[in-house]
Amino acid sequence: MGVLSKRQRVWWTVITVLVLLYALFPVASIAATSFKSSAELNSGQMLPSSPTLANYEQILVGSAQELFLSALRNSIGISLISTVIAVVLATLAAYAIARLDFPGKRLILTTALGVSIFPVISIVTPLFNLWRTIGLYDTWPGLIIPYLSLTLPISIWTLAAFFRQIPWELEQAAQVDGATPFQAFRKAIVPLAAPGVFTTALIAFFIAWNDFVYGISLTSTSAARPVPAALAFFTGASQFEEPAGAISAAAVIVTIPVVVLVLLFQRQIVSGLTQGAVKG
């Protein structure tokens, strides 16, 4: 690619700024709302005239503390467990798909893609009835298992593309030196696949962290209810007051881990996605 001209650089700068404004405006609006008092919520002003931490106090030490903090623990635990299981299973499956030649390999990838685009809302009702029957309703496993249907397909697709970029000769050389197939996979392939595995883990974690449909449909108490579902149960100081400020404060808090992870590991994320996107 040649060097961009001055005019092209200007246009790309303008486009980048517009995209950033479009993407960040909702976040800025929610952050501003989280600092508004109940009297300012319907004022129509973007920025609060008298910023307050009352909304954060309400969800951290106030009336919504138990609801929010228990949901936060549930989200962290369920998302982490779902991510670990999905990445381990996807790593083994993607490696087999990338390295082995067996009947039905293309069908497996097509099925994984079909599952990933299948509308979640269409299976919630039968899943709700099944979970009530077998005792998984309102439990951590009752959410972890459905979350795998969201995280596994994209994980398999991402890792399969990444494994195809790793030279097959490295594994063959390790086996020639006396390593078993599993040792060659663990010592020669896994270290090279670390950026792709790490990127896949972050994507899987974000998917599980942001789920709302399963969280609201398959839980009924704070025993397993995650944060996105718990936000629907926030209430104001009275029945006539909207909890927009508390919900905005909770949204800001649950967004912080995602933003921090992306900022800390953006190099690994870009490396993993770009290496898996171009077939050598």
Protein backbone atom coordinates (compact mmCIF):
# COMPACT_ATOMS: atom_id res chain seq x y z
CA MET A 1 0.00 0.00 0.00
CA GLY A 2 1.38 3.38 -1.01
CA VAL A 3 1.79 6.42 1.19
CA LEU A 4 -1.46 8.33 1.70
CA SER A 5 -1.67 11.82 0.30
CA LYS A 6 -2.42 14.79 2.55
CA ARG A 7 -6.03 14.93 1.36
CA GLN A 8 -6.52 11.20 2.01
CA ARG A 9 -5.08 11.54 5.50
CA VAL A 10 -7.50 14.39 6.22
CA TRP A 11 -10.48 12.33 5.05
CA TRP A 12 -9.40 9.31 7.08
CA THR A 13 -8.97 11.53 10.14
CA VAL A 14 -12.46 12.99 9.68
CA ILE A 15 -14.00 9.53 9.24
CA THR A 16 -12.18 8.22 12.31
CA VAL A 17 -13.38 11.13 14.45
CA LEU A 18 -16.98 10.68 13.25
CA VAL A 19 -16.91 6.94 14.00
CA LEU A 20 -15.45 7.58 17.46
CA LEU A 21 -18.10 10.20 18.23
CA TYR A 22 -20.85 7.87 17.04
CA ALA A 23 -19.52 4.99 19.14
CA LEU A 24 -18.65 6.94 22.29
CA PHE A 25 -21.67 9.26 22.51
CA PRO A 26 -23.97 6.64 24.13
CA VAL A 27 -21.23 5.76 26.62
CA ALA A 28 -20.68 9.41 27.47
CA SER A 29 -24.43 9.93 27.87
CA ILE A 30 -24.73 6.99 30.27
CA ALA A 31 -21.70 8.15 32.25
CA ALA A 32 -23.16 11.65 32.54
CA THR A 33 -26.54 10.29 33.63
CA SER A 34 -24.89 8.26 36.39
CA PHE A 35 -23.79 11.52 38.06
CA LYS A 36 -27.20 13.20 37.87
CA SER A 37 -29.52 13.59 40.81
CA SER A 38 -33.11 12.36 40.57
CA ALA A 39 -34.28 15.93 40.00
CA GLU A 40 -32.01 16.35 36.96
CA LEU A 41 -32.87 13.11 35.16
CA ASN A 42 -35.68 14.69 33.15
CA SER A 43 -34.04 18.06 32.69
CA GLY A 44 -32.92 17.31 29.14
CA GLN A 45 -29.37 18.47 29.81
CA MET A 46 -26.50 16.27 28.68
CA LEU A 47 -24.18 17.15 31.56
CA PRO A 48 -25.26 17.29 35.21
CA SER A 49 -25.26 20.80 36.70
CA SER A 50 -24.50 19.42 40.16
CA PRO A 51 -22.67 16.09 39.84
CA THR A 52 -23.40 13.63 42.64
CA LEU A 53 -22.24 10.15 43.65
CA ALA A 54 -25.63 9.23 45.10
CA ASN A 55 -26.34 6.72 42.34
CA TYR A 56 -23.05 4.90 42.96
CA GLU A 57 -23.67 4.94 46.70
CA GLN A 58 -27.10 3.43 46.11
CA ILE A 59 -25.76 0.37 44.27
CA LEU A 60 -22.56 -0.08 46.30
CA VAL A 61 -23.60 0.68 49.88
CA GLY A 62 -27.26 1.68 49.66
CA SER A 63 -30.62 0.09 48.99
CA ALA A 64 -29.52 -1.68 45.77
CA GLN A 65 -26.28 -3.04 47.25
CA GLU A 66 -27.43 -6.62 47.75
CA LEU A 67 -29.05 -6.82 44.32
CA PHE A 68 -26.09 -5.38 42.43
CA LEU A 69 -23.13 -6.92 44.28
CA SER A 70 -24.58 -10.43 44.22
CA ALA A 71 -25.28 -10.05 40.51
CA LEU A 72 -21.74 -8.78 39.95
CA ARG A 73 -20.31 -11.87 41.69
CA ASN A 74 -22.55 -14.09 39.58
CA SER A 75 -21.50 -12.40 36.35
CA ILE A 76 -17.79 -12.68 37.14
CA GLY A 77 -17.96 -16.31 38.20
CA ILE A 78 -20.29 -17.55 35.47
CA SER A 79 -18.49 -15.64 32.70
CA LEU A 80 -15.04 -16.86 33.78
CA ILE A 81 -16.12 -20.50 34.05
CA SER A 82 -17.93 -20.34 30.71
CA THR A 83 -14.87 -18.78 29.09
CA VAL A 84 -12.43 -21.38 30.43
CA ILE A 85 -14.62 -24.32 29.37
CA ALA A 86 -15.31 -22.80 25.94
CA VAL A 87 -11.64 -22.03 25.23
CA VAL A 88 -10.42 -25.49 26.29
CA LEU A 89 -13.05 -27.31 24.22
CA ALA A 90 -12.67 -24.93 21.27
CA THR A 91 -8.87 -25.30 21.29
CA LEU A 92 -9.09 -29.08 20.99
CA ALA A 93 -11.89 -28.95 18.42
CA ALA A 94 -10.27 -26.23 16.31
CA TYR A 95 -6.94 -28.04 16.33
CA ALA A 96 -8.59 -31.22 15.07
CA ILE A 97 -10.48 -29.31 12.38
CA ALA A 98 -7.36 -27.47 11.22
CA ARG A 99 -4.94 -30.41 11.30
CA LEU A 100 -6.93 -33.58 10.66
CA ASP A 101 -8.69 -34.69 7.50
CA PHE A 102 -11.89 -36.51 8.39
CA PRO A 103 -15.40 -36.80 6.92
CA GLY A 104 -17.82 -34.11 8.03
CA LYS A 105 -15.22 -31.49 8.91
CA ARG A 106 -16.89 -28.81 6.81
CA LEU A 107 -20.27 -29.82 8.23
CA ILE A 108 -18.98 -29.23 11.75
CA LEU A 109 -17.85 -25.71 10.90
CA THR A 110 -21.12 -24.99 9.12
CA THR A 111 -23.09 -26.27 12.10
CA ALA A 112 -21.03 -24.11 14.45
CA LEU A 113 -21.77 -21.08 12.29
CA GLY A 114 -25.47 -21.96 12.21
CA VAL A 115 -25.60 -22.26 16.00
CA SER A 116 -23.89 -18.91 16.44
CA ILE A 117 -26.51 -17.08 14.33
CA PHE A 118 -29.50 -19.01 15.69
CA PRO A 119 -31.91 -16.67 17.51
CA VAL A 120 -31.50 -17.24 21.23
CA ILE A 121 -35.03 -16.14 22.08
CA SER A 122 -36.50 -19.08 20.15
CA ILE A 123 -35.02 -21.71 22.47
CA VAL A 124 -35.49 -19.93 25.80
CA THR A 125 -38.97 -21.32 26.48
CA PRO A 126 -38.13 -25.03 25.93
CA LEU A 127 -34.87 -24.53 27.81
CA PHE A 128 -36.78 -22.92 30.68
CA ASN A 129 -39.13 -25.93 30.91
CA LEU A 130 -36.24 -28.40 30.68
CA TRP A 131 -34.19 -26.63 33.34
CA ARG A 132 -37.18 -26.55 35.72
CA THR A 133 -37.65 -30.28 35.22
CA ILE A 134 -34.05 -31.36 35.83
CA GLY A 135 -33.24 -28.82 38.54
CA LEU A 136 -30.87 -26.48 36.70
CA TYR A 137 -33.15 -23.46 36.82
CA ASP A 138 -31.70 -20.50 38.74
CA THR A 139 -28.27 -22.10 39.14
CA TRP A 140 -24.80 -21.33 37.85
CA PRO A 141 -24.64 -24.50 35.69
CA GLY A 142 -28.05 -23.53 34.31
CA LEU A 143 -26.43 -20.44 32.78
CA ILE A 144 -22.96 -21.81 32.04
CA ILE A 145 -24.31 -24.54 29.75
CA PRO A 146 -26.39 -22.15 27.58
CA TYR A 147 -23.51 -19.67 27.51
CA LEU A 148 -21.38 -22.36 25.87
CA SER A 149 -23.79 -22.32 22.94
CA LEU A 150 -22.89 -18.63 22.52
CA THR A 151 -19.15 -18.82 23.12
CA LEU A 152 -18.15 -22.18 21.62
CA PRO A 153 -19.08 -21.53 17.95
CA ILE A 154 -17.21 -18.24 17.65
CA SER A 155 -14.29 -19.72 19.60
CA ILE A 156 -14.03 -22.70 17.26
CA TRP A 157 -14.18 -20.49 14.17
CA THR A 158 -11.56 -18.07 15.48
CA LEU A 159 -9.12 -20.75 16.66
CA ALA A 160 -9.54 -22.95 13.58
CA ALA A 161 -8.52 -20.01 11.40
CA PHE A 162 -5.56 -19.33 13.67
CA PHE A 163 -4.31 -22.92 13.81
CA ARG A 164 -4.22 -23.02 10.00
CA GLN A 165 -1.50 -20.34 10.08
CA ILE A 166 0.89 -22.38 12.24
CA PRO A 167 3.32 -24.39 10.05
CA TRP A 168 2.57 -28.10 10.10
CA GLU A 169 6.31 -28.79 9.87
CA LEU A 170 6.88 -27.64 13.47
CA GLU A 171 4.67 -30.38 14.81
CA GLN A 172 6.18 -32.96 12.50
CA ALA A 173 9.68 -31.94 13.62
CA ALA A 174 8.70 -32.36 17.27
CA GLN A 175 7.34 -35.83 16.57
CA VAL A 176 10.51 -36.77 14.70
CA ASP A 177 12.48 -35.77 17.83
CA GLY A 178 10.46 -38.28 19.83
CA ALA A 179 7.50 -36.27 21.07
CA THR A 180 4.07 -37.85 21.16
CA PRO A 181 1.25 -36.10 19.26
CA PHE A 182 -0.05 -34.59 22.49
CA GLN A 183 3.43 -33.44 23.56
CA ALA A 184 3.97 -31.87 20.15
CA PHE A 185 0.64 -30.11 20.46
CA ARG A 186 1.32 -28.91 24.01
CA LYS A 187 4.96 -27.85 23.60
CA ALA A 188 5.18 -26.77 19.95
CA ILE A 189 1.71 -25.61 18.93
CA VAL A 190 0.11 -24.17 22.06
CA PRO A 191 2.87 -21.56 22.71
CA LEU A 192 2.56 -20.32 19.13
CA ALA A 193 -1.22 -20.29 19.38
CA ALA A 194 -1.22 -18.28 22.62
CA PRO A 195 -2.21 -14.93 20.98
CA GLY A 196 -5.15 -16.56 19.22
CA VAL A 197 -6.24 -18.44 22.34
CA PHE A 198 -5.99 -15.26 24.41
CA THR A 199 -8.01 -13.26 21.89
CA THR A 200 -10.65 -15.98 21.72
CA ALA A 201 -10.87 -16.05 25.52
CA LEU A 202 -11.52 -12.30 25.64
CA ILE A 203 -14.21 -12.50 22.96
CA ALA A 204 -15.89 -15.43 24.74
CA PHE A 205 -15.76 -13.57 28.05
CA PHE A 206 -17.36 -10.46 26.54
CA ILE A 207 -20.17 -12.55 25.00
CA ALA A 208 -20.96 -14.25 28.30
CA TRP A 209 -20.58 -11.01 30.26
CA ASN A 210 -23.08 -9.13 28.10
CA ASP A 211 -25.81 -11.78 27.82
CA PHE A 212 -29.27 -10.66 28.89
CA VAL A 213 -31.79 -13.12 27.42
CA TYR A 214 -30.56 -16.23 29.21
CA GLY A 215 -29.84 -14.29 32.38
CA ILE A 216 -33.37 -12.87 32.65
CA SER A 217 -35.15 -16.05 31.53
CA LEU A 218 -33.31 -18.78 33.42
CA THR A 219 -33.01 -17.12 36.84
CA SER A 220 -35.53 -15.93 39.41
CA THR A 221 -33.42 -14.96 42.45
CA SER A 222 -30.03 -13.47 43.24
CA ALA A 223 -28.56 -16.98 43.46
CA ALA A 224 -27.48 -16.91 39.81
CA ARG A 225 -28.89 -13.73 38.27
CA PRO A 226 -26.13 -11.83 36.34
CA VAL A 227 -25.77 -8.06 36.15
CA PRO A 228 -27.51 -7.44 32.78
CA ALA A 229 -30.61 -9.19 34.11
CA ALA A 230 -30.36 -7.61 37.56
CA LEU A 231 -30.53 -4.11 36.04
CA ALA A 232 -34.14 -4.81 35.08
CA PHE A 233 -35.03 -5.15 38.78
CA PHE A 234 -33.64 -1.81 39.91
CA THR A 235 -36.20 0.52 41.44
CA GLY A 236 -36.22 4.19 42.31
CA ALA A 237 -36.65 5.74 45.72
CA SER A 238 -40.43 5.57 45.15
CA GLN A 239 -42.78 3.87 42.73
CA PHE A 240 -43.01 7.11 40.74
CA GLU A 241 -39.25 7.57 40.33
CA GLU A 242 -37.34 6.01 37.46
CA PRO A 243 -34.07 4.26 38.42
CA ALA A 244 -32.23 5.65 35.40
CA GLY A 245 -29.42 7.06 37.52
CA ALA A 246 -28.77 3.81 39.41
CA ILE A 247 -28.95 1.76 36.21
CA SER A 248 -26.47 4.12 34.52
CA ALA A 249 -24.10 3.88 37.47
CA ALA A 250 -24.29 0.08 37.39
CA ALA A 251 -23.72 0.10 33.62
CA VAL A 252 -20.60 2.22 34.07
CA ILE A 253 -19.21 -0.12 36.72
CA VAL A 254 -19.77 -3.30 34.70
CA THR A 255 -18.28 -1.64 31.62
CA ILE A 256 -15.02 -0.76 33.39
CA PRO A 257 -13.60 -4.36 33.40
CA VAL A 258 -14.28 -4.70 29.67
CA VAL A 259 -12.62 -1.37 28.86
CA VAL A 260 -9.62 -2.16 31.07
CA LEU A 261 -9.12 -5.58 29.47
CA VAL A 262 -9.26 -4.11 25.96
CA LEU A 263 -6.84 -1.31 26.79
CA LEU A 264 -4.37 -3.61 28.54
CA PHE A 265 -4.39 -6.32 25.90
CA GLN A 266 -5.22 -4.47 22.69
CA ARG A 267 -1.92 -5.54 21.09
CA GLN A 268 -2.66 -9.21 21.77
CA ILE A 269 -6.22 -8.82 20.51
CA VAL A 270 -5.14 -7.22 17.24
CA SER A 271 -2.32 -9.73 16.81
CA GLY A 272 -4.62 -12.68 17.37
CA LEU A 273 -7.34 -11.43 15.03
CA THR A 274 -5.03 -10.38 12.21
CA GLN A 275 -2.93 -13.56 12.28
CA GLY A 276 -6.04 -15.71 12.15
CA ALA A 277 -7.70 -13.65 9.42
CA VAL A 278 -5.12 -14.08 6.65
CA LYS A 279 -4.28 -17.52 5.40
CA GLY A 280 -0.67 -17.95 4.48
